[in-house]
Every structure is written in structure tokens, then in C-alpha cells.
Amino acid sequence: MELFTVLEQKLEVVLDQFESLKKDNAELKENLTATEQTLATKEKALKEAEDSLERTTREKEMVRQRIDKILNRLKILDLGEAT
């Protein structure tokens, strides 16, 4: 009879450990899901920032080209006045 008592106690310990591991596993899955959502949000923000940077770079280049064009026209005017 004592053997059954020891066996039941060991089984109870194993079942408690199993429940604890099951709970830990659920928490890890929940944390992973939250982390994946955070990562997706950050990836979206990064993509938006990259797009914004690309637009700003294009606009900057257009402004630079227009300024160069204006400066070249002014040079032509200066050369015309110098002669």
C-alpha cells in the first residue's frame, strides 16, 4: 500500500510540473505574439520613414536642379553685362 502512496505523490509532482510548464508555454506564446505585433508595427513605421526619406531626397534633388538652373541663368546675365 505504501508503494501506491509514493507513486501517487510522484504522479502529483509530475502533474504539477506539467501544469506549470503548460502555463509557462502559454505565457511564452502570448509574449511571442505581442513581440510579433510590435515587430510588424515597427517594420511598417520603418517602411513609412524610408518612403518619406525617399520623397524628401527626390524633392531636395529637384530643388537643387532648379537652383542650379537659376544660377546658370544668372551667370549668363552676368556674362552679358560684363561684355
N, C-alpha and C. Protein backbone atom coordinates (compact mmCIF):
# COMPACT_ATOMS: atom_id res chain seq x y z
N MET A 1 0.81 -1.19 0.00
CA MET A 1 0.00 0.00 0.00
C MET A 1 0.86 1.27 0.00
N GLU A 2 1.97 1.24 0.68
CA GLU A 2 2.87 2.38 0.74
C GLU A 2 3.44 2.70 -0.65
N LEU A 3 3.65 1.69 -1.43
CA LEU A 3 4.15 1.86 -2.79
C LEU A 3 3.19 2.71 -3.61
N PHE A 4 1.89 2.49 -3.46
CA PHE A 4 0.89 3.27 -4.18
C PHE A 4 0.89 4.73 -3.72
N THR A 5 1.10 4.95 -2.45
CA THR A 5 1.16 6.30 -1.92
C THR A 5 2.34 7.06 -2.51
N VAL A 6 3.50 6.42 -2.56
CA VAL A 6 4.70 7.03 -3.15
C VAL A 6 4.46 7.31 -4.62
N LEU A 7 3.88 6.35 -5.31
CA LEU A 7 3.59 6.50 -6.73
C LEU A 7 2.61 7.66 -6.96
N GLU A 8 1.57 7.78 -6.15
CA GLU A 8 0.61 8.87 -6.27
C GLU A 8 1.29 10.21 -6.01
N GLN A 9 2.18 10.28 -5.04
CA GLN A 9 2.90 11.53 -4.74
C GLN A 9 3.79 11.94 -5.91
N LYS A 10 4.47 10.97 -6.48
CA LYS A 10 5.33 11.26 -7.63
C LYS A 10 4.49 11.71 -8.83
N LEU A 11 3.37 11.05 -9.00
CA LEU A 11 2.48 11.43 -10.10
C LEU A 11 1.96 12.85 -9.89
N GLU A 12 1.63 13.19 -8.65
CA GLU A 12 1.16 14.54 -8.34
C GLU A 12 2.24 15.58 -8.66
N VAL A 13 3.49 15.28 -8.33
CA VAL A 13 4.61 16.19 -8.63
C VAL A 13 4.75 16.37 -10.14
N VAL A 14 4.68 15.28 -10.87
CA VAL A 14 4.80 15.34 -12.33
C VAL A 14 3.66 16.14 -12.93
N LEU A 15 2.45 15.93 -12.44
CA LEU A 15 1.29 16.67 -12.95
C LEU A 15 1.40 18.17 -12.63
N ASP A 16 1.89 18.49 -11.44
CA ASP A 16 2.10 19.90 -11.08
C ASP A 16 3.14 20.55 -12.00
N GLN A 17 4.22 19.82 -12.27
CA GLN A 17 5.25 20.34 -13.17
C GLN A 17 4.69 20.52 -14.58
N PHE A 18 3.88 19.55 -15.00
CA PHE A 18 3.27 19.63 -16.33
C PHE A 18 2.39 20.87 -16.44
N GLU A 19 1.56 21.11 -15.43
CA GLU A 19 0.68 22.29 -15.44
C GLU A 19 1.49 23.58 -15.43
N SER A 20 2.56 23.59 -14.66
CA SER A 20 3.42 24.77 -14.61
C SER A 20 4.07 25.03 -15.97
N LEU A 21 4.56 23.98 -16.60
CA LEU A 21 5.18 24.12 -17.92
C LEU A 21 4.15 24.54 -18.97
N LYS A 22 2.95 24.02 -18.84
CA LYS A 22 1.88 24.38 -19.76
C LYS A 22 1.56 25.88 -19.63
N LYS A 23 1.51 26.37 -18.39
CA LYS A 23 1.26 27.78 -18.15
C LYS A 23 2.40 28.63 -18.70
N ASP A 24 3.64 28.21 -18.45
CA ASP A 24 4.81 28.94 -18.97
C ASP A 24 4.78 28.99 -20.49
N ASN A 25 4.41 27.89 -21.09
CA ASN A 25 4.35 27.81 -22.56
C ASN A 25 3.30 28.79 -23.10
N ALA A 26 2.16 28.86 -22.44
CA ALA A 26 1.11 29.79 -22.87
C ALA A 26 1.59 31.23 -22.75
N GLU A 27 2.28 31.55 -21.67
CA GLU A 27 2.82 32.90 -21.49
C GLU A 27 3.85 33.23 -22.57
N LEU A 28 4.70 32.26 -22.88
CA LEU A 28 5.70 32.48 -23.93
C LEU A 28 5.03 32.72 -25.28
N LYS A 29 3.99 31.96 -25.57
CA LYS A 29 3.27 32.16 -26.84
C LYS A 29 2.63 33.53 -26.88
N GLU A 30 2.08 33.97 -25.75
CA GLU A 30 1.47 35.29 -25.68
C GLU A 30 2.52 36.38 -25.88
N ASN A 31 3.66 36.21 -25.25
CA ASN A 31 4.74 37.18 -25.42
C ASN A 31 5.25 37.20 -26.85
N LEU A 32 5.32 36.03 -27.47
CA LEU A 32 5.78 35.95 -28.86
C LEU A 32 4.81 36.68 -29.77
N THR A 33 3.52 36.48 -29.55
CA THR A 33 2.51 37.16 -30.35
C THR A 33 2.63 38.67 -30.20
N ALA A 34 2.80 39.13 -28.96
CA ALA A 34 2.94 40.57 -28.73
C ALA A 34 4.21 41.09 -29.40
N THR A 35 5.28 40.32 -29.32
CA THR A 35 6.54 40.72 -29.95
C THR A 35 6.40 40.78 -31.46
N GLU A 36 5.71 39.81 -32.03
CA GLU A 36 5.49 39.80 -33.48
C GLU A 36 4.67 41.01 -33.90
N GLN A 37 3.66 41.37 -33.10
CA GLN A 37 2.84 42.55 -33.42
C GLN A 37 3.68 43.82 -33.33
N THR A 38 4.52 43.91 -32.31
CA THR A 38 5.39 45.06 -32.17
C THR A 38 6.35 45.15 -33.34
N LEU A 39 6.90 44.02 -33.74
CA LEU A 39 7.82 43.99 -34.88
C LEU A 39 7.12 44.43 -36.15
N ALA A 40 5.91 43.96 -36.36
CA ALA A 40 5.15 44.35 -37.55
C ALA A 40 4.90 45.86 -37.56
N THR A 41 4.57 46.40 -36.39
CA THR A 41 4.33 47.84 -36.28
C THR A 41 5.60 48.62 -36.59
N LYS A 42 6.71 48.15 -36.04
CA LYS A 42 7.99 48.84 -36.26
C LYS A 42 8.43 48.72 -37.72
N GLU A 43 8.19 47.57 -38.34
CA GLU A 43 8.53 47.40 -39.76
C GLU A 43 7.71 48.36 -40.62
N LYS A 44 6.42 48.51 -40.27
CA LYS A 44 5.57 49.44 -41.01
C LYS A 44 6.07 50.87 -40.85
N ALA A 45 6.43 51.24 -39.62
CA ALA A 45 6.95 52.59 -39.37
C ALA A 45 8.25 52.82 -40.12
N LEU A 46 9.10 51.79 -40.16
CA LEU A 46 10.37 51.90 -40.89
C LEU A 46 10.10 52.09 -42.37
N LYS A 47 9.18 51.34 -42.93
CA LYS A 47 8.85 51.47 -44.35
C LYS A 47 8.33 52.87 -44.65
N GLU A 48 7.48 53.39 -43.76
CA GLU A 48 6.96 54.74 -43.95
C GLU A 48 8.09 55.78 -43.88
N ALA A 49 9.01 55.58 -42.94
CA ALA A 49 10.14 56.50 -42.82
C ALA A 49 11.03 56.43 -44.06
N GLU A 50 11.26 55.22 -44.57
CA GLU A 50 12.07 55.07 -45.78
C GLU A 50 11.40 55.77 -46.97
N ASP A 51 10.07 55.60 -47.08
CA ASP A 51 9.34 56.25 -48.17
C ASP A 51 9.42 57.77 -48.05
N SER A 52 9.28 58.24 -46.82
CA SER A 52 9.36 59.68 -46.59
C SER A 52 10.76 60.21 -46.94
N LEU A 53 11.78 59.48 -46.52
CA LEU A 53 13.15 59.87 -46.85
C LEU A 53 13.37 59.89 -48.35
N GLU A 54 12.84 58.90 -49.04
CA GLU A 54 12.99 58.85 -50.49
C GLU A 54 12.30 60.06 -51.15
N ARG A 55 11.09 60.38 -50.68
CA ARG A 55 10.38 61.56 -51.22
C ARG A 55 11.17 62.84 -50.95
N THR A 56 11.67 62.97 -49.73
CA THR A 56 12.44 64.15 -49.37
C THR A 56 13.71 64.26 -50.21
N THR A 57 14.36 63.15 -50.45
CA THR A 57 15.57 63.14 -51.27
C THR A 57 15.25 63.56 -52.70
N ARG A 58 14.14 63.06 -53.24
CA ARG A 58 13.74 63.46 -54.60
C ARG A 58 13.42 64.95 -54.66
N GLU A 59 12.68 65.43 -53.65
CA GLU A 59 12.34 66.85 -53.62
C GLU A 59 13.60 67.71 -53.50
N LYS A 60 14.53 67.27 -52.66
CA LYS A 60 15.79 68.00 -52.49
C LYS A 60 16.55 68.07 -53.81
N GLU A 61 16.57 66.98 -54.53
CA GLU A 61 17.26 66.94 -55.82
C GLU A 61 16.59 67.88 -56.82
N MET A 62 15.26 67.90 -56.82
CA MET A 62 14.54 68.79 -57.72
C MET A 62 14.85 70.25 -57.39
N VAL A 63 14.87 70.59 -56.10
CA VAL A 63 15.19 71.95 -55.68
C VAL A 63 16.61 72.31 -56.10
N ARG A 64 17.55 71.38 -55.89
CA ARG A 64 18.93 71.62 -56.28
C ARG A 64 19.04 71.88 -57.78
N GLN A 65 18.33 71.09 -58.58
CA GLN A 65 18.36 71.28 -60.03
C GLN A 65 17.79 72.64 -60.43
N ARG A 66 16.71 73.03 -59.77
CA ARG A 66 16.10 74.33 -60.10
C ARG A 66 17.03 75.47 -59.71
N ILE A 67 17.68 75.35 -58.54
CA ILE A 67 18.63 76.39 -58.11
C ILE A 67 19.80 76.45 -59.08
N ASP A 68 20.31 75.29 -59.50
CA ASP A 68 21.40 75.27 -60.49
C ASP A 68 20.96 75.96 -61.78
N LYS A 69 19.75 75.68 -62.20
CA LYS A 69 19.24 76.29 -63.44
C LYS A 69 19.16 77.81 -63.29
N ILE A 70 18.66 78.28 -62.15
CA ILE A 70 18.56 79.72 -61.90
C ILE A 70 19.95 80.35 -61.86
N LEU A 71 20.89 79.68 -61.15
CA LEU A 71 22.26 80.21 -61.07
C LEU A 71 22.90 80.28 -62.45
N ASN A 72 22.68 79.27 -63.27
CA ASN A 72 23.22 79.29 -64.63
C ASN A 72 22.64 80.44 -65.44
N ARG A 73 21.35 80.70 -65.26
CA ARG A 73 20.74 81.82 -65.98
C ARG A 73 21.34 83.15 -65.50
N LEU A 74 21.59 83.23 -64.18
CA LEU A 74 22.20 84.45 -63.66
C LEU A 74 23.62 84.63 -64.18
N LYS A 75 24.34 83.51 -64.32
CA LYS A 75 25.71 83.59 -64.88
C LYS A 75 25.66 84.15 -66.28
N ILE A 76 24.68 83.67 -67.05
CA ILE A 76 24.56 84.15 -68.42
C ILE A 76 24.30 85.66 -68.43
N LEU A 77 23.43 86.10 -67.50
CA LEU A 77 23.16 87.54 -67.40
C LEU A 77 24.41 88.31 -67.00
N ASP A 78 25.18 87.74 -66.03
CA ASP A 78 26.42 88.39 -65.62
C ASP A 78 27.41 88.47 -66.76
N LEU A 79 27.51 87.41 -67.54
CA LEU A 79 28.43 87.41 -68.68
C LEU A 79 27.99 88.42 -69.72
N GLY A 80 26.68 88.56 -69.89
CA GLY A 80 26.17 89.54 -70.86
C GLY A 80 26.45 90.95 -70.42
N GLU A 81 26.39 91.23 -69.13
CA GLU A 81 26.67 92.57 -68.63
C GLU A 81 28.15 92.88 -68.63
N ALA A 82 28.98 91.84 -68.49
CA ALA A 82 30.42 92.04 -68.44
C ALA A 82 30.97 92.41 -69.82
N THR A 83 30.30 92.09 -70.86
CA THR A 83 30.83 92.37 -72.19
C THR A 83 30.53 93.72 -72.70
